[in-house]
Amino acid sequence: MAATPPPPWATPPSAGLGPGRVVALVLGIVLLVLPGIGLIGAGGVLLWANSTDRSDGFLFSPREQFSSQGYALVSERIDLATDADWLPLSVALGTARVEVTPTGSDQVFVGIAPVADATAYLGDVQRTVVDDLGFDAPANSYDQIAGGEPSGPPTEQDFWTASVTGPGTQRLTWDPAEGDWMFVMMNADGSAGVSVDARIGATLPALRGIAWGLLAGGLFLLLLGVLVMVLALRRRPAAYAGPPYGGPPAPAGPPPAWAPPPPVDRRTAADDQPGTTRSGNPAQRPPTT
C-alpha cells in the first residue's frame, strides 16, 4: 500500500479589511484622532498665551481705534452670568481692565455701569455702539444712534460702578460681577467728538487649568484613536481548511529547515544486545549455544 505523501507546506491566507474594519478606521480618524489633535493644539495655544502674551498680569485684546461724532462710545450689553456654581466669575475672568488713550487733547472718561443706569443717562444722547469691543471689530459693527447732548458731564453722575478720568492713558480696573453691564467712553466734559485707542483684558486665572484640561483630553482621544486604528488595520489569518486532499492543515509559517537524522551506534542499539530476538532470515540469526 502506497504511503500518503505529506501535505505541502503553505502559509494560510490573510483576511482583508472587511466593512466593519473600514468603518472602525474611519470613525477612529474622524471622531477621535482629528478632535484629539485639535484639542492638543488649542491647549498649546492657550498655554503659550498664558505664559508669554501677558501685560502686567492681564491678557489683552489687540489695541483698536474708535471714534464717534456723537457724545459717547459705548459697548453693547455685556451679560455676565455663570450657570455653574463651581466656576464663579472671580475664577473664570479674574479682574478686568480697560485701557483707553485719547487721540486728541481732550481728557477722557471711562466708566462701567449697569445697563439700566447707563441707558437712562444716554437714552436720548447721540452715540456710537461698538458691537464687538475687544474682538478686532470691523467697521460695519458700529451702530450710530441719533440724539442730542447729555444732560451733564459723565463725571457728575453717581451711578458708575467704576470709573476713571484724565489726560493720557486711563486704566479702568474692575472686578466682574454677575449682571448686565455697559462700558462708556466719553470726553470728560461731555462734549461731542470722541476718539480713542482702547483695548480690554482680564487676568483669567482659570486659563492655565483649562489649557491643561484640553491637552489631557486631546491626548486621551488621540491615543484612543490610534488604538482603534491599529486594531482595525491588524491583519488576522483567515480560517484555513487544509490541503485539498484532506488531512490535518499545514502549519503556518515558513517550512522548517531540513536536518539529517543523528547517526546510530549499532553496538549499543537495542536490537543488537544479547538475548534480543531478531526477525527475518534464519541464516542471519546468531548461533544458539
C-alpha atoms as a PDB file:
ATOM      1  CA  MET A   1       0.000   0.000   0.000  1.00  0.00           C
ATOM      2  CA  ALA A   2       1.446   3.290  -1.068  1.00  0.00           C
ATOM      3  CA  ALA A   3       2.155   5.779   1.691  1.00  0.00           C
ATOM      4  CA  THR A   4       0.203   9.035   1.703  1.00  0.00           C
ATOM      5  CA  PRO A   5       2.511  11.894   0.757  1.00  0.00           C
ATOM      6  CA  PRO A   6       2.926  14.606   3.398  1.00  0.00           C
ATOM      7  CA  PRO A   7       0.937  17.768   2.789  1.00  0.00           C
ATOM      8  CA  PRO A   8       2.809  20.622   1.142  1.00  0.00           C
ATOM      9  CA  TRP A   9       3.884  23.468   3.363  1.00  0.00           C
ATOM     10  CA  ALA A  10       1.790  26.592   2.831  1.00  0.00           C
ATOM     11  CA  THR A  11       1.180  29.837   4.703  1.00  0.00           C
ATOM     12  CA  PRO A  12      -2.528  30.390   5.389  1.00  0.00           C
ATOM     13  CA  PRO A  13      -4.016  33.361   3.536  1.00  0.00           C
ATOM     14  CA  SER A  14      -4.684  36.581   5.476  1.00  0.00           C
ATOM     15  CA  ALA A  15      -8.136  38.134   5.724  1.00  0.00           C
ATOM     16  CA  GLY A  16      -8.567  41.555   4.122  1.00  0.00           C
ATOM     17  CA  LEU A  17     -10.206  44.669   5.557  1.00  0.00           C
ATOM     18  CA  GLY A  18     -13.899  43.995   5.877  1.00  0.00           C
ATOM     19  CA  PRO A  19     -16.654  46.624   6.075  1.00  0.00           C
ATOM     20  CA  GLY A  20     -16.573  46.616   9.872  1.00  0.00           C
ATOM     21  CA  ARG A  21     -12.857  47.397   9.957  1.00  0.00           C
ATOM     22  CA  VAL A  22     -13.216  50.144   7.380  1.00  0.00           C
ATOM     23  CA  VAL A  23     -15.981  51.779   9.442  1.00  0.00           C
ATOM     24  CA  ALA A  24     -13.892  51.480  12.624  1.00  0.00           C
ATOM     25  CA  LEU A  25     -10.887  53.022  10.857  1.00  0.00           C
ATOM     26  CA  VAL A  26     -12.896  55.989   9.552  1.00  0.00           C
ATOM     27  CA  LEU A  27     -14.608  56.600  12.894  1.00  0.00           C
ATOM     28  CA  GLY A  28     -11.296  56.395  14.720  1.00  0.00           C
ATOM     29  CA  ILE A  29      -9.821  59.088  12.472  1.00  0.00           C
ATOM     30  CA  VAL A  30     -12.842  61.401  12.297  1.00  0.00           C
ATOM     31  CA  LEU A  31     -14.185  61.109  15.841  1.00  0.00           C
ATOM     32  CA  LEU A  32     -11.013  60.528  17.831  1.00  0.00           C
ATOM     33  CA  VAL A  33      -7.746  61.395  16.092  1.00  0.00           C
ATOM     34  CA  LEU A  34      -8.724  64.700  14.457  1.00  0.00           C
ATOM     35  CA  PRO A  35     -10.584  66.096  17.534  1.00  0.00           C
ATOM     36  CA  GLY A  36      -7.682  64.979  19.711  1.00  0.00           C
ATOM     37  CA  ILE A  37      -5.182  66.873  17.558  1.00  0.00           C
ATOM     38  CA  GLY A  38      -7.444  69.939  17.647  1.00  0.00           C
ATOM     39  CA  LEU A  39      -7.719  69.883  21.441  1.00  0.00           C
ATOM     40  CA  ILE A  40      -3.974  69.467  21.834  1.00  0.00           C
ATOM     41  CA  GLY A  41      -3.385  72.441  19.516  1.00  0.00           C
ATOM     42  CA  ALA A  42      -5.906  74.604  21.378  1.00  0.00           C
ATOM     43  CA  GLY A  43      -4.422  73.705  24.741  1.00  0.00           C
ATOM     44  CA  GLY A  44      -0.928  74.512  23.488  1.00  0.00           C
ATOM     45  CA  VAL A  45      -2.027  77.917  22.184  1.00  0.00           C
ATOM     46  CA  LEU A  46      -3.708  78.756  25.489  1.00  0.00           C
ATOM     47  CA  LEU A  47      -0.627  77.742  27.464  1.00  0.00           C
ATOM     48  CA  TRP A  48       1.559  79.841  25.183  1.00  0.00           C
ATOM     49  CA  ALA A  49      -0.734  82.863  25.529  1.00  0.00           C
ATOM     50  CA  ASN A  50      -0.986  82.427  29.280  1.00  0.00           C
ATOM     51  CA  SER A  51       2.775  82.375  29.748  1.00  0.00           C
ATOM     52  CA  THR A  52       4.078  84.799  27.094  1.00  0.00           C
ATOM     53  CA  ASP A  53       1.323  87.196  25.999  1.00  0.00           C
ATOM     54  CA  ARG A  54       0.530  88.922  29.299  1.00  0.00           C
ATOM     55  CA  SER A  55       0.962  92.572  30.157  1.00  0.00           C
ATOM     56  CA  ASP A  56       1.020  93.472  33.841  1.00  0.00           C
ATOM     57  CA  GLY A  57      -0.679  90.149  34.537  1.00  0.00           C
ATOM     58  CA  PHE A  58      -3.524  90.759  32.042  1.00  0.00           C
ATOM     59  CA  LEU A  59      -4.328  89.130  28.727  1.00  0.00           C
ATOM     60  CA  PHE A  60      -5.395  91.956  26.399  1.00  0.00           C
ATOM     61  CA  SER A  61      -7.216  92.125  23.097  1.00  0.00           C
ATOM     62  CA  PRO A  62      -5.500  93.940  20.205  1.00  0.00           C
ATOM     63  CA  ARG A  63      -5.481  97.723  20.557  1.00  0.00           C
ATOM     64  CA  GLU A  64      -8.111  99.335  18.317  1.00  0.00           C
ATOM     65  CA  GLN A  65      -9.094 102.869  17.388  1.00  0.00           C
ATOM     66  CA  PHE A  66     -12.670 104.010  17.989  1.00  0.00           C
ATOM     67  CA  SER A  67     -14.275 107.307  17.131  1.00  0.00           C
ATOM     68  CA  SER A  68     -17.724 108.870  17.184  1.00  0.00           C
ATOM     69  CA  GLN A  69     -19.095 112.208  16.035  1.00  0.00           C
ATOM     70  CA  GLY A  70     -21.573 111.925  18.862  1.00  0.00           C
ATOM     71  CA  TYR A  71     -21.069 112.317  22.583  1.00  0.00           C
ATOM     72  CA  ALA A  72     -20.197 108.778  23.643  1.00  0.00           C
ATOM     73  CA  LEU A  73     -18.701 105.474  22.634  1.00  0.00           C
ATOM     74  CA  VAL A  74     -20.467 102.598  24.383  1.00  0.00           C
ATOM     75  CA  SER A  75     -20.211  98.822  24.314  1.00  0.00           C
ATOM     76  CA  GLU A  76     -23.181  96.611  23.584  1.00  0.00           C
ATOM     77  CA  ARG A  77     -24.837  94.890  26.521  1.00  0.00           C
ATOM     78  CA  ILE A  78     -22.344  92.717  28.426  1.00  0.00           C
ATOM     79  CA  ASP A  79     -24.257  89.868  30.028  1.00  0.00           C
ATOM     80  CA  LEU A  80     -22.158  88.208  32.719  1.00  0.00           C
ATOM     81  CA  ALA A  81     -23.627  85.054  34.197  1.00  0.00           C
ATOM     82  CA  THR A  82     -22.396  81.580  35.066  1.00  0.00           C
ATOM     83  CA  ASP A  83     -24.665  78.574  35.202  1.00  0.00           C
ATOM     84  CA  ALA A  84     -22.077  76.551  37.125  1.00  0.00           C
ATOM     85  CA  ASP A  85     -21.706  77.224  40.844  1.00  0.00           C
ATOM     86  CA  TRP A  86     -18.293  75.530  40.819  1.00  0.00           C
ATOM     87  CA  LEU A  87     -16.834  78.177  38.472  1.00  0.00           C
ATOM     88  CA  PRO A  88     -17.580  81.699  39.737  1.00  0.00           C
ATOM     89  CA  LEU A  89     -16.725  84.769  37.684  1.00  0.00           C
ATOM     90  CA  SER A  90     -13.863  85.601  40.007  1.00  0.00           C
ATOM     91  CA  VAL A  91     -12.183  82.345  38.924  1.00  0.00           C
ATOM     92  CA  ALA A  92     -13.177  82.400  35.263  1.00  0.00           C
ATOM     93  CA  LEU A  93     -12.440  86.071  34.491  1.00  0.00           C
ATOM     94  CA  GLY A  94     -10.497  87.313  37.478  1.00  0.00           C
ATOM     95  CA  THR A  95     -10.018  91.066  37.217  1.00  0.00           C
ATOM     96  CA  ALA A  96     -10.981  93.015  34.076  1.00  0.00           C
ATOM     97  CA  ARG A  97      -9.204  96.099  32.764  1.00  0.00           C
ATOM     98  CA  VAL A  98      -9.936  98.620  30.013  1.00  0.00           C
ATOM     99  CA  GLU A  99      -7.087 100.821  28.774  1.00  0.00           C
ATOM    100  CA  VAL A 100      -8.161 103.948  26.869  1.00  0.00           C
ATOM    101  CA  THR A 101      -5.923 106.612  25.334  1.00  0.00           C
ATOM    102  CA  PRO A 102      -7.488 109.751  23.803  1.00  0.00           C
ATOM    103  CA  THR A 103      -6.161 110.578  20.337  1.00  0.00           C
ATOM    104  CA  GLY A 104      -6.853 114.309  20.828  1.00  0.00           C
ATOM    105  CA  SER A 105      -6.070 116.788  23.562  1.00  0.00           C
ATOM    106  CA  ASP A 106      -9.305 116.244  25.493  1.00  0.00           C
ATOM    107  CA  GLN A 107      -9.435 114.441  28.787  1.00  0.00           C
ATOM    108  CA  VAL A 108     -11.162 111.103  28.516  1.00  0.00           C
ATOM    109  CA  PHE A 109     -13.720 109.489  30.795  1.00  0.00           C
ATOM    110  CA  VAL A 110     -14.108 105.709  31.085  1.00  0.00           C
ATOM    111  CA  GLY A 111     -16.840 104.126  33.186  1.00  0.00           C
ATOM    112  CA  ILE A 112     -18.811 100.951  33.640  1.00  0.00           C
ATOM    113  CA  ALA A 113     -22.344 100.816  34.956  1.00  0.00           C
ATOM    114  CA  PRO A 114     -25.426  98.588  34.958  1.00  0.00           C
ATOM    115  CA  VAL A 115     -27.177  98.701  31.601  1.00  0.00           C
ATOM    116  CA  ALA A 116     -30.343 100.220  33.095  1.00  0.00           C
ATOM    117  CA  ASP A 117     -28.467 103.181  34.637  1.00  0.00           C
ATOM    118  CA  ALA A 118     -26.254 103.802  31.603  1.00  0.00           C
ATOM    119  CA  THR A 119     -29.240 103.639  29.236  1.00  0.00           C
ATOM    120  CA  ALA A 120     -31.213 106.069  31.383  1.00  0.00           C
ATOM    121  CA  TYR A 121     -28.321 108.559  31.151  1.00  0.00           C
ATOM    122  CA  LEU A 122     -27.599 108.034  27.446  1.00  0.00           C
ATOM    123  CA  GLY A 123     -31.096 107.176  26.208  1.00  0.00           C
ATOM    124  CA  ASP A 124     -31.536 110.377  24.138  1.00  0.00           C
ATOM    125  CA  VAL A 125     -27.850 111.065  23.539  1.00  0.00           C
ATOM    126  CA  GLN A 126     -26.154 110.785  20.147  1.00  0.00           C
ATOM    127  CA  ARG A 127     -23.684 107.925  20.491  1.00  0.00           C
ATOM    128  CA  THR A 128     -21.907 105.029  18.777  1.00  0.00           C
ATOM    129  CA  VAL A 129     -22.380 101.439  19.920  1.00  0.00           C
ATOM    130  CA  VAL A 130     -19.439  99.070  19.375  1.00  0.00           C
ATOM    131  CA  ASP A 131     -20.828  95.573  18.903  1.00  0.00           C
ATOM    132  CA  ASP A 132     -17.574  93.634  19.414  1.00  0.00           C
ATOM    133  CA  LEU A 133     -15.448  95.646  21.797  1.00  0.00           C
ATOM    134  CA  GLY A 134     -12.101  93.910  22.214  1.00  0.00           C
ATOM    135  CA  PHE A 135     -12.501  91.451  19.339  1.00  0.00           C
ATOM    136  CA  ASP A 136     -10.952  93.377  16.411  1.00  0.00           C
ATOM    137  CA  ALA A 137     -14.346  94.703  15.396  1.00  0.00           C
ATOM    138  CA  PRO A 138     -14.844  95.540  11.693  1.00  0.00           C
ATOM    139  CA  ALA A 139     -16.129  98.921  10.632  1.00  0.00           C
ATOM    140  CA  ASN A 140     -19.638  97.626   9.953  1.00  0.00           C
ATOM    141  CA  SER A 141     -20.069  96.524  13.581  1.00  0.00           C
ATOM    142  CA  TYR A 142     -20.680 100.096  14.726  1.00  0.00           C
ATOM    143  CA  ASP A 143     -24.244 101.293  15.311  1.00  0.00           C
ATOM    144  CA  GLN A 144     -24.820 105.042  15.085  1.00  0.00           C
ATOM    145  CA  ILE A 145     -27.693 106.213  17.308  1.00  0.00           C
ATOM    146  CA  ALA A 146     -29.077 109.673  16.705  1.00  0.00           C
ATOM    147  CA  GLY A 147     -29.843 112.032  19.565  1.00  0.00           C
ATOM    148  CA  GLY A 148     -28.773 115.160  21.368  1.00  0.00           C
ATOM    149  CA  GLU A 149     -26.267 116.085  24.030  1.00  0.00           C
ATOM    150  CA  PRO A 150     -26.182 114.540  27.512  1.00  0.00           C
ATOM    151  CA  SER A 151     -27.856 116.140  30.496  1.00  0.00           C
ATOM    152  CA  GLY A 152     -24.466 116.699  32.111  1.00  0.00           C
ATOM    153  CA  PRO A 153     -20.823 115.583  32.055  1.00  0.00           C
ATOM    154  CA  PRO A 154     -20.268 111.917  32.926  1.00  0.00           C
ATOM    155  CA  THR A 155     -18.039 112.895  35.839  1.00  0.00           C
ATOM    156  CA  GLU A 156     -21.062 114.384  37.619  1.00  0.00           C
ATOM    157  CA  GLN A 157     -23.044 111.129  37.581  1.00  0.00           C
ATOM    158  CA  ASP A 158     -23.075 108.874  40.644  1.00  0.00           C
ATOM    159  CA  PHE A 159     -24.293 105.568  39.203  1.00  0.00           C
ATOM    160  CA  TRP A 160     -20.937 104.362  37.873  1.00  0.00           C
ATOM    161  CA  THR A 161     -19.724 101.099  39.382  1.00  0.00           C
ATOM    162  CA  ALA A 162     -16.136 102.044  38.482  1.00  0.00           C
ATOM    163  CA  SER A 163     -14.745 104.991  36.521  1.00  0.00           C
ATOM    164  CA  VAL A 164     -11.532 106.884  35.700  1.00  0.00           C
ATOM    165  CA  THR A 165     -10.940 110.213  34.029  1.00  0.00           C
ATOM    166  CA  GLY A 166      -7.997 112.358  32.990  1.00  0.00           C
ATOM    167  CA  PRO A 167      -5.487 113.027  30.183  1.00  0.00           C
ATOM    168  CA  GLY A 168      -3.329 110.340  28.634  1.00  0.00           C
ATOM    169  CA  THR A 169      -3.887 106.625  29.017  1.00  0.00           C
ATOM    170  CA  GLN A 170      -6.574 105.753  31.556  1.00  0.00           C
ATOM    171  CA  ARG A 171      -6.824 102.276  33.048  1.00  0.00           C
ATOM    172  CA  LEU A 172     -10.150 101.177  34.452  1.00  0.00           C
ATOM    173  CA  THR A 173      -9.812  98.073  36.650  1.00  0.00           C
ATOM    174  CA  TRP A 174     -12.962  96.255  37.662  1.00  0.00           C
ATOM    175  CA  ASP A 175     -13.870  93.010  39.424  1.00  0.00           C
ATOM    176  CA  PRO A 176     -16.606  91.467  37.228  1.00  0.00           C
ATOM    177  CA  ALA A 177     -19.887  90.511  38.847  1.00  0.00           C
ATOM    178  CA  GLU A 178     -22.992  88.849  37.505  1.00  0.00           C
ATOM    179  CA  GLY A 179     -25.414  91.165  35.749  1.00  0.00           C
ATOM    180  CA  ASP A 180     -25.837  93.269  32.608  1.00  0.00           C
ATOM    181  CA  TRP A 181     -23.145  95.898  32.152  1.00  0.00           C
ATOM    182  CA  MET A 182     -22.082  98.624  29.735  1.00  0.00           C
ATOM    183  CA  PHE A 183     -18.713 100.311  29.143  1.00  0.00           C
ATOM    184  CA  VAL A 184     -18.907 104.030  28.337  1.00  0.00           C
ATOM    185  CA  MET A 185     -16.133 106.245  26.893  1.00  0.00           C
ATOM    186  CA  MET A 186     -16.720 109.989  26.633  1.00  0.00           C
ATOM    187  CA  ASN A 187     -14.884 113.271  26.742  1.00  0.00           C
ATOM    188  CA  ALA A 188     -14.602 114.295  30.376  1.00  0.00           C
ATOM    189  CA  ASP A 189     -16.597 117.497  29.776  1.00  0.00           C
ATOM    190  CA  GLY A 190     -19.329 115.670  27.833  1.00  0.00           C
ATOM    191  CA  SER A 191     -18.531 117.347  24.520  1.00  0.00           C
ATOM    192  CA  ALA A 192     -19.066 115.781  21.087  1.00  0.00           C
ATOM    193  CA  GLY A 193     -16.372 114.108  19.020  1.00  0.00           C
ATOM    194  CA  VAL A 194     -14.867 111.169  20.899  1.00  0.00           C
ATOM    195  CA  SER A 195     -11.747 109.468  19.517  1.00  0.00           C
ATOM    196  CA  VAL A 196      -9.696 106.939  21.475  1.00  0.00           C
ATOM    197  CA  ASP A 197      -7.397 103.950  21.231  1.00  0.00           C
ATOM    198  CA  ALA A 198      -8.635 101.178  23.504  1.00  0.00           C
ATOM    199  CA  ARG A 199      -8.138  97.575  24.463  1.00  0.00           C
ATOM    200  CA  ILE A 200      -9.776  95.280  27.010  1.00  0.00           C
ATOM    201  CA  GLY A 201      -8.301  92.449  29.023  1.00  0.00           C
ATOM    202  CA  ALA A 202      -8.632  90.185  32.051  1.00  0.00           C
ATOM    203  CA  THR A 203      -6.391  88.134  34.310  1.00  0.00           C
ATOM    204  CA  LEU A 204      -8.236  84.846  33.526  1.00  0.00           C
ATOM    205  CA  PRO A 205      -6.863  82.761  36.419  1.00  0.00           C
ATOM    206  CA  ALA A 206      -8.627  79.617  35.164  1.00  0.00           C
ATOM    207  CA  LEU A 207      -6.899  79.739  31.789  1.00  0.00           C
ATOM    208  CA  ARG A 208      -3.969  77.509  32.796  1.00  0.00           C
ATOM    209  CA  GLY A 209      -6.270  74.808  34.154  1.00  0.00           C
ATOM    210  CA  ILE A 210      -8.437  74.970  31.027  1.00  0.00           C
ATOM    211  CA  ALA A 211      -5.352  74.646  28.817  1.00  0.00           C
ATOM    212  CA  TRP A 212      -4.063  71.578  30.667  1.00  0.00           C
ATOM    213  CA  GLY A 213      -7.543  70.058  30.566  1.00  0.00           C
ATOM    214  CA  LEU A 214      -7.657  70.485  26.785  1.00  0.00           C
ATOM    215  CA  LEU A 215      -4.212  68.930  26.441  1.00  0.00           C
ATOM    216  CA  ALA A 216      -5.142  65.942  28.589  1.00  0.00           C
ATOM    217  CA  GLY A 217      -8.442  65.404  26.786  1.00  0.00           C
ATOM    218  CA  GLY A 218      -6.801  65.728  23.381  1.00  0.00           C
ATOM    219  CA  LEU A 219      -4.046  63.276  24.281  1.00  0.00           C
ATOM    220  CA  PHE A 220      -6.603  60.759  25.538  1.00  0.00           C
ATOM    221  CA  LEU A 221      -8.647  60.999  22.334  1.00  0.00           C
ATOM    222  CA  LEU A 222      -5.512  60.742  20.207  1.00  0.00           C
ATOM    223  CA  LEU A 223      -4.253  57.603  21.963  1.00  0.00           C
ATOM    224  CA  LEU A 224      -7.709  56.028  21.831  1.00  0.00           C
ATOM    225  CA  GLY A 225      -7.972  56.811  18.126  1.00  0.00           C
ATOM    226  CA  VAL A 226      -4.554  55.334  17.395  1.00  0.00           C
ATOM    227  CA  LEU A 227      -5.534  52.170  19.278  1.00  0.00           C
ATOM    228  CA  VAL A 228      -8.740  51.849  17.250  1.00  0.00           C
ATOM    229  CA  MET A 229      -6.786  52.346  14.006  1.00  0.00           C
ATOM    230  CA  VAL A 230      -4.183  49.721  14.943  1.00  0.00           C
ATOM    231  CA  LEU A 231      -6.876  47.186  15.788  1.00  0.00           C
ATOM    232  CA  ALA A 232      -8.715  47.959  12.550  1.00  0.00           C
ATOM    233  CA  LEU A 233      -5.567  47.605  10.418  1.00  0.00           C
ATOM    234  CA  ARG A 234      -4.280  44.494  12.132  1.00  0.00           C
ATOM    235  CA  ARG A 235      -4.487  41.585   9.651  1.00  0.00           C
ATOM    236  CA  ARG A 236      -5.617  38.302  11.144  1.00  0.00           C
ATOM    237  CA  PRO A 237      -5.213  34.885   9.440  1.00  0.00           C
ATOM    238  CA  ALA A 238      -8.374  33.589   7.773  1.00  0.00           C
ATOM    239  CA  ALA A 239      -9.776  30.160   8.577  1.00  0.00           C
ATOM    240  CA  TYR A 240      -7.763  27.535   6.646  1.00  0.00           C
ATOM    241  CA  ALA A 241      -9.344  24.187   5.796  1.00  0.00           C
ATOM    242  CA  GLY A 242      -6.096  22.419   4.913  1.00  0.00           C
ATOM    243  CA  PRO A 243      -4.897  20.852   1.640  1.00  0.00           C
ATOM    244  CA  PRO A 244      -7.488  19.835  -0.937  1.00  0.00           C
ATOM    245  CA  TYR A 245      -6.924  16.081  -0.384  1.00  0.00           C
ATOM    246  CA  GLY A 246      -7.842  16.291   3.278  1.00  0.00           C
ATOM    247  CA  GLY A 247      -5.810  15.541   6.337  1.00  0.00           C
ATOM    248  CA  PRO A 248      -4.572  17.969   9.000  1.00  0.00           C
ATOM    249  CA  PRO A 249      -3.948  21.552   7.892  1.00  0.00           C
ATOM    250  CA  ALA A 250      -0.411  22.533   7.074  1.00  0.00           C
ATOM    251  CA  PRO A 251       1.283  24.506   9.846  1.00  0.00           C
ATOM    252  CA  ALA A 252       1.547  28.213   9.309  1.00  0.00           C
ATOM    253  CA  GLY A 253       4.804  29.997   8.696  1.00  0.00           C
ATOM    254  CA  PRO A 254       7.927  29.103   6.729  1.00  0.00           C
ATOM    255  CA  PRO A 255       8.859  25.417   6.401  1.00  0.00           C
ATOM    256  CA  PRO A 256      11.389  24.130   8.922  1.00  0.00           C
ATOM    257  CA  ALA A 257      14.975  23.645   7.796  1.00  0.00           C
ATOM    258  CA  TRP A 258      15.895  20.038   6.963  1.00  0.00           C
ATOM    259  CA  ALA A 259      18.434  18.332   9.187  1.00  0.00           C
ATOM    260  CA  PRO A 260      19.903  14.820   8.704  1.00  0.00           C
ATOM    261  CA  PRO A 261      18.961  12.201  11.292  1.00  0.00           C
ATOM    262  CA  PRO A 262      21.557  11.573  14.016  1.00  0.00           C
ATOM    263  CA  PRO A 263      23.850   8.547  13.488  1.00  0.00           C
ATOM    264  CA  VAL A 264      23.074   5.356  15.379  1.00  0.00           C
ATOM    265  CA  ASP A 265      25.829   3.319  17.096  1.00  0.00           C
ATOM    266  CA  ARG A 266      24.952  -0.253  16.200  1.00  0.00           C
ATOM    267  CA  ARG A 267      26.990  -1.577  19.104  1.00  0.00           C
ATOM    268  CA  THR A 268      24.636   0.000  21.550  1.00  0.00           C
ATOM    269  CA  ALA A 269      21.443  -0.344  19.545  1.00  0.00           C
ATOM    270  CA  ALA A 270      18.586  -2.069  21.320  1.00  0.00           C
ATOM    271  CA  ASP A 271      18.230  -4.762  18.677  1.00  0.00           C
ATOM    272  CA  ASP A 272      21.956  -5.621  18.854  1.00  0.00           C
ATOM    273  CA  GLN A 273      22.049  -6.604  22.546  1.00  0.00           C
ATOM    274  CA  PRO A 274      22.474 -10.219  23.732  1.00  0.00           C
ATOM    275  CA  GLY A 275      19.223 -12.053  24.203  1.00  0.00           C
ATOM    276  CA  THR A 276      17.426  -9.967  21.610  1.00  0.00           C
ATOM    277  CA  THR A 277      15.333 -11.953  19.170  1.00  0.00           C
ATOM    278  CA  ARG A 278      15.543 -10.742  15.607  1.00  0.00           C
ATOM    279  CA  SER A 279      13.051 -11.359  12.890  1.00  0.00           C
ATOM    280  CA  GLY A 280      13.974 -12.028   9.254  1.00  0.00           C
ATOM    281  CA  ASN A 281      16.221 -14.643   7.584  1.00  0.00           C
ATOM    282  CA  PRO A 282      17.116 -17.538   9.977  1.00  0.00           C
ATOM    283  CA  ALA A 283      20.503 -17.789   8.401  1.00  0.00           C
ATOM    284  CA  GLN A 284      21.366 -14.385   9.722  1.00  0.00           C
ATOM    285  CA  ARG A 285      20.422 -15.195  13.320  1.00  0.00           C
ATOM    286  CA  PRO A 286      23.297 -15.730  15.790  1.00  0.00           C
ATOM    287  CA  PRO A 287      24.037 -19.382  16.735  1.00  0.00           C
ATOM    288  CA  THR A 288      22.498 -20.758  19.879  1.00  0.00           C
ATOM    289  CA  THR A 289      24.840 -22.283  22.473  1.00  0.00           C
END
